[in-house]
């Protein structure tokens, strides 16, 4: 009788959970269109799955391919993004579409280095796109995958580095079905806090990651005010508003408002014209 190795037991656990409780109905899992998967991966950066679903489907309907997104007005893309937060991602997404049209003829490159040359694409997102859009068994880490491997292989360790985790991830990845294996890992990781709470065990193993940082408070922050400013300007006729009106709306010192506006202008969201703030075309 052959002995079941820890690696085999681990894979069996992950696959069993996926077959029983996997999130197979997520809209970006029902397509093999590289463009649609690319959009979903950008939306899922730092945003919970539960928030992305409705926005994703509306966005894909409004901008069905790289060509339509590349040729869209910046204001239209930002307007479609409102509610997802981290508006910089929408700007990066449009710029990436422009580059893909110019350099790759509107086809998403199946090359990790090429992906990482696009705006807003780092090591983690390039790996996830390779796996989900092209079924290539690249090694990558995101929050749920990190949680799984710390939970199973570093139960008594703190300050676990991603470099340590990558060795385990690389040895476990399914070479023929990387796409579904990573889905299974992410689904198990997403369920771990619930399972941990039910068993009165540690709810979030990611707190033992060397890369774990507690997110700063959002309410009252410049990040919140940036989003509110952008949303307000987008909602105005002609997609422009005056500093005077924004000062009344937000009741903050003018210097703070001007500082945030300067940052938005530098990043390409807006242009300022005298007393006016306008969405960049």
Protein backbone atom coordinates (compact mmCIF):
# COMPACT_ATOMS: atom_id res chain seq x y z
CA UNK A 1 0.00 0.00 0.00
CA UNK A 2 1.57 3.30 -1.08
CA UNK A 3 2.01 6.00 1.52
CA UNK A 4 0.19 9.30 0.96
CA UNK A 5 2.77 12.09 1.03
CA UNK A 6 2.07 15.48 2.64
CA UNK A 7 2.13 17.05 -0.84
CA UNK A 8 -0.45 14.59 -2.12
CA UNK A 9 -2.65 15.10 0.93
CA UNK A 10 -2.43 18.86 0.48
CA UNK A 11 -3.49 18.73 -3.17
CA UNK A 12 -6.30 16.33 -2.36
CA UNK A 13 -7.62 18.72 0.31
CA UNK A 14 -7.56 21.71 -2.05
CA UNK A 15 -9.21 19.87 -4.94
CA UNK A 16 -11.86 18.32 -2.69
CA UNK A 17 -12.87 21.72 -1.34
CA UNK A 18 -12.94 23.17 -4.85
CA UNK A 19 -15.18 20.44 -6.20
CA UNK A 20 -17.54 20.86 -3.25
CA UNK A 21 -17.54 24.64 -2.75
CA UNK A 22 -15.59 26.27 -5.58
CA UNK A 23 -16.81 29.63 -6.89
CA UNK A 24 -17.40 28.29 -10.40
CA UNK A 25 -20.10 30.83 -11.29
CA UNK A 26 -17.85 33.90 -11.13
CA UNK A 27 -18.32 35.63 -14.51
CA UNK A 28 -14.61 35.93 -15.34
CA UNK A 29 -14.27 32.17 -14.85
CA UNK A 30 -16.84 31.49 -17.57
CA UNK A 31 -14.72 33.02 -20.33
CA UNK A 32 -11.41 32.32 -22.03
CA UNK A 33 -11.25 35.76 -23.62
CA UNK A 34 -7.84 37.20 -22.62
CA UNK A 35 -9.22 40.75 -22.69
CA UNK A 36 -12.06 39.96 -20.27
CA UNK A 37 -9.70 38.09 -17.95
CA UNK A 38 -7.22 40.98 -18.11
CA UNK A 39 -9.96 43.42 -17.03
CA UNK A 40 -11.05 41.14 -14.18
CA UNK A 41 -7.52 40.79 -12.83
CA UNK A 42 -7.06 44.56 -12.72
CA UNK A 43 -10.43 44.98 -11.00
CA UNK A 44 -9.58 42.31 -8.44
CA UNK A 45 -6.41 44.08 -7.34
CA UNK A 46 -7.04 45.13 -3.73
CA UNK A 47 -10.80 44.66 -4.15
CA UNK A 48 -13.04 41.91 -2.79
CA UNK A 49 -14.65 39.50 -5.24
CA UNK A 50 -18.12 40.37 -3.93
CA UNK A 51 -17.68 44.00 -5.02
CA UNK A 52 -16.28 43.30 -8.47
CA UNK A 53 -18.98 41.13 -10.09
CA UNK A 54 -21.57 43.70 -11.14
CA UNK A 55 -18.99 46.31 -12.16
CA UNK A 56 -17.10 43.77 -14.26
CA UNK A 57 -20.09 42.76 -16.35
CA UNK A 58 -21.18 46.36 -16.96
CA UNK A 59 -17.63 47.38 -17.85
CA UNK A 60 -17.20 44.53 -20.35
CA UNK A 61 -20.53 45.41 -21.95
CA UNK A 62 -19.50 49.07 -22.25
CA UNK A 63 -15.94 48.31 -23.42
CA UNK A 64 -15.98 44.81 -24.99
CA UNK A 65 -12.38 44.72 -26.27
CA UNK A 66 -9.01 46.47 -26.21
CA UNK A 67 -9.93 48.62 -29.21
CA UNK A 68 -13.06 50.12 -27.64
CA UNK A 69 -11.24 50.73 -24.35
CA UNK A 70 -8.21 52.30 -26.02
CA UNK A 71 -10.39 54.68 -28.04
CA UNK A 72 -12.72 55.60 -25.17
CA UNK A 73 -12.69 58.97 -23.45
CA UNK A 74 -10.88 58.95 -20.13
CA UNK A 75 -13.98 60.36 -18.43
CA UNK A 76 -16.15 57.52 -19.74
CA UNK A 77 -13.72 54.90 -18.42
CA UNK A 78 -13.50 56.60 -15.03
CA UNK A 79 -17.30 56.92 -14.87
CA UNK A 80 -17.71 53.19 -15.54
CA UNK A 81 -15.20 52.48 -12.78
CA UNK A 82 -16.88 54.53 -10.06
CA UNK A 83 -17.64 52.46 -6.97
CA UNK A 84 -14.64 50.15 -7.28
CA UNK A 85 -12.13 52.52 -5.71
CA UNK A 86 -8.42 52.92 -6.49
CA UNK A 87 -9.29 54.91 -9.62
CA UNK A 88 -5.67 54.80 -10.74
CA UNK A 89 -6.36 51.25 -11.92
CA UNK A 90 -8.92 52.50 -14.45
CA UNK A 91 -6.38 54.92 -15.86
CA UNK A 92 -3.75 52.17 -16.04
CA UNK A 93 -6.24 49.86 -17.73
CA UNK A 94 -6.98 52.38 -20.47
CA UNK A 95 -3.28 53.11 -21.00
CA UNK A 96 -2.53 49.39 -21.15
CA UNK A 97 -5.22 48.99 -23.81
CA UNK A 98 -3.64 51.80 -25.83
CA UNK A 99 -0.23 50.10 -25.63
CA UNK A 100 -1.68 46.71 -26.57
CA UNK A 101 -3.33 48.24 -29.63
CA UNK A 102 -0.15 50.05 -30.67
CA UNK A 103 2.45 47.34 -29.95
CA UNK A 104 0.56 44.04 -30.14
CA UNK A 105 -2.21 44.64 -32.65
CA UNK A 106 -4.93 44.43 -30.02
CA UNK A 107 -3.88 40.99 -28.76
CA UNK A 108 -2.83 40.47 -25.14
CA UNK A 109 0.78 39.21 -25.16
CA UNK A 110 1.36 35.75 -23.70
CA UNK A 111 4.65 36.83 -22.18
CA UNK A 112 5.22 37.76 -18.57
CA UNK A 113 7.89 40.39 -19.21
CA UNK A 114 5.68 42.05 -21.83
CA UNK A 115 2.76 42.07 -19.41
CA UNK A 116 4.88 43.65 -16.68
CA UNK A 117 5.87 46.44 -19.06
CA UNK A 118 2.21 47.55 -19.15
CA UNK A 119 0.96 50.24 -16.73
CA UNK A 120 -0.23 48.89 -13.39
CA UNK A 121 0.95 45.31 -13.95
CA UNK A 122 3.32 43.89 -11.36
CA UNK A 123 4.71 40.44 -10.70
CA UNK A 124 1.56 39.07 -9.06
CA UNK A 125 -0.87 40.32 -11.69
CA UNK A 126 1.32 39.21 -14.60
CA UNK A 127 1.45 35.70 -13.15
CA UNK A 128 -2.28 35.53 -12.58
CA UNK A 129 -2.98 36.71 -16.14
CA UNK A 130 -0.62 34.07 -17.54
CA UNK A 131 -2.41 31.38 -15.54
CA UNK A 132 -6.02 32.46 -16.09
CA UNK A 133 -5.85 33.85 -19.64
CA UNK A 134 -3.39 31.31 -21.08
CA UNK A 135 -3.30 28.37 -18.61
CA UNK A 136 0.48 28.80 -18.22
CA UNK A 137 1.79 27.40 -14.88
CA UNK A 138 3.60 30.54 -13.75
CA UNK A 139 4.27 31.05 -10.04
CA UNK A 140 2.49 34.01 -8.48
CA UNK A 141 1.20 35.07 -5.08
CA UNK A 142 -1.93 36.92 -4.07
CA UNK A 143 -3.55 37.25 -0.67
CA UNK A 144 -5.61 34.03 -0.69
CA UNK A 145 -2.78 31.91 -2.08
CA UNK A 146 -0.42 33.33 0.53
CA UNK A 147 -2.94 32.48 3.24
CA UNK A 148 -3.22 28.84 2.09
CA UNK A 149 0.50 28.11 2.06
CA UNK A 150 1.22 29.81 5.38
CA UNK A 151 -1.68 27.87 6.91
CA UNK A 152 -0.52 24.46 5.66
CA UNK A 153 3.28 24.71 5.64
CA UNK A 154 4.24 27.40 8.16
CA UNK A 155 1.79 26.75 10.98
CA UNK A 156 4.20 27.81 13.74
CA UNK A 157 6.22 30.45 11.89
CA UNK A 158 6.05 34.21 11.83
CA UNK A 159 7.60 36.60 9.33
CA UNK A 160 7.19 34.13 6.46
CA UNK A 161 8.55 35.62 3.24
CA UNK A 162 7.01 35.33 -0.21
CA UNK A 163 10.31 33.92 -1.48
CA UNK A 164 9.83 30.96 0.88
CA UNK A 165 6.24 30.49 -0.25
CA UNK A 166 7.15 30.60 -3.94
CA UNK A 167 9.12 27.36 -3.62
CA UNK A 168 6.05 25.55 -2.32
CA UNK A 169 3.75 27.17 -4.86
CA UNK A 170 6.05 26.24 -7.72
CA UNK A 171 6.31 22.60 -6.65
CA UNK A 172 2.55 22.22 -6.22
CA UNK A 173 1.25 23.94 -9.36
CA UNK A 174 -0.63 21.70 -11.78
CA UNK A 175 1.42 21.81 -14.99
CA UNK A 176 -1.54 20.90 -17.22
CA UNK A 177 -4.36 22.69 -15.42
CA UNK A 178 -2.75 25.71 -13.80
CA UNK A 179 -5.87 27.82 -14.32
CA UNK A 180 -8.18 25.64 -12.28
CA UNK A 181 -5.54 24.77 -9.66
CA UNK A 182 -5.06 28.44 -8.86
CA UNK A 183 -8.83 28.92 -8.71
CA UNK A 184 -8.96 26.06 -6.22
CA UNK A 185 -6.19 27.57 -4.10
CA UNK A 186 -7.83 30.99 -4.07
CA UNK A 187 -11.22 29.55 -3.14
CA UNK A 188 -9.73 27.61 -0.26
CA UNK A 189 -7.86 30.69 0.92
CA UNK A 190 -11.01 32.80 0.74
CA UNK A 191 -12.83 30.24 2.91
CA UNK A 192 -10.04 29.92 5.52
CA UNK A 193 -11.14 32.86 7.71
CA UNK A 194 -14.63 31.32 7.95
CA UNK A 195 -13.25 27.84 8.68
CA UNK A 196 -10.78 29.29 11.15
CA UNK A 197 -13.48 31.18 13.03
CA UNK A 198 -15.69 28.10 13.16
CA UNK A 199 -12.85 26.04 14.63
CA UNK A 200 -11.76 28.90 16.93
CA UNK A 201 -8.39 28.91 15.23
CA UNK A 202 -6.37 31.72 13.68
CA UNK A 203 -8.68 33.47 11.22
CA UNK A 204 -6.05 35.09 9.03
CA UNK A 205 -2.67 33.36 8.58
CA UNK A 206 -1.55 36.31 6.43
CA UNK A 207 -0.82 38.21 9.61
CA UNK A 208 2.22 35.97 9.94
CA UNK A 209 3.54 37.04 6.54
CA UNK A 210 6.68 39.18 6.51
CA UNK A 211 4.83 41.41 4.06
CA UNK A 212 1.69 41.96 6.15
CA UNK A 213 0.81 45.59 6.89
CA UNK A 214 -2.30 46.93 8.50
CA UNK A 215 -4.12 49.24 6.12
CA UNK A 216 -4.35 52.86 7.18
CA UNK A 217 -7.76 54.26 8.07
CA UNK A 218 -9.72 55.27 4.96
CA UNK A 219 -12.33 57.58 6.48
CA UNK A 220 -11.13 61.18 6.40
CA UNK A 221 -7.95 60.30 4.47
CA UNK A 222 -6.60 62.04 1.39
CA UNK A 223 -7.34 58.82 -0.51
CA UNK A 224 -11.02 59.13 0.37
CA UNK A 225 -11.07 62.82 -0.59
CA UNK A 226 -9.37 62.05 -3.93
CA UNK A 227 -12.11 59.58 -4.78
CA UNK A 228 -14.88 61.93 -3.71
CA UNK A 229 -13.40 64.81 -5.71
CA UNK A 230 -13.09 62.70 -8.83
CA UNK A 231 -16.61 61.32 -8.45
CA UNK A 232 -18.03 64.82 -7.96
CA UNK A 233 -16.30 66.26 -11.02
CA UNK A 234 -17.41 63.29 -13.15
CA UNK A 235 -21.02 63.87 -12.10
CA UNK A 236 -21.07 67.53 -13.17
CA UNK A 237 -22.26 68.80 -16.54
CA UNK A 238 -19.29 68.90 -18.91
CA UNK A 239 -17.37 66.89 -16.29
CA UNK A 240 -15.93 69.97 -14.69
CA UNK A 241 -16.35 71.77 -11.38
CA UNK A 242 -14.96 74.87 -9.70
CA UNK A 243 -12.61 74.92 -6.74
CA UNK A 244 -15.13 77.21 -5.05
CA UNK A 245 -17.93 74.64 -5.32
CA UNK A 246 -15.68 71.80 -4.16
CA UNK A 247 -14.55 73.80 -1.13
CA UNK A 248 -18.20 74.25 -0.13
CA UNK A 249 -19.00 70.58 -0.79
CA UNK A 250 -16.09 69.12 1.18
CA UNK A 251 -15.45 71.83 3.78
CA UNK A 252 -11.68 71.35 3.78
CA UNK A 253 -8.86 73.92 3.61
CA UNK A 254 -8.16 75.16 0.11
CA UNK A 255 -4.49 74.17 0.35
CA UNK A 256 -5.46 70.55 0.97
CA UNK A 257 -7.85 70.58 -1.96
CA UNK A 258 -5.23 72.15 -4.24
CA UNK A 259 -2.61 69.60 -3.16
CA UNK A 260 -4.93 66.70 -4.00
CA UNK A 261 -5.95 68.31 -7.29
CA UNK A 262 -2.27 68.73 -8.19
CA UNK A 263 -1.70 65.03 -7.56
CA UNK A 264 -4.69 64.06 -9.71
CA UNK A 265 -3.47 66.34 -12.49
CA UNK A 266 0.06 64.94 -12.38
CA UNK A 267 -1.33 61.41 -12.71
CA UNK A 268 -3.46 62.34 -15.72
CA UNK A 269 -6.94 62.30 -14.22
CA UNK A 270 -7.75 66.01 -14.50
CA UNK A 271 -6.58 69.35 -15.83
CA UNK A 272 -6.97 72.59 -13.93
CA UNK A 273 -7.94 75.78 -15.74
CA UNK A 274 -8.06 78.79 -13.44
CA UNK A 275 -10.84 78.09 -10.94
CA UNK A 276 -11.99 74.99 -12.85
CA UNK A 277 -11.12 71.32 -12.46
CA UNK A 278 -11.88 69.28 -15.60
CA UNK A 279 -11.63 65.56 -16.34
CA UNK A 280 -8.82 65.03 -18.83
CA UNK A 281 -10.04 63.90 -22.26
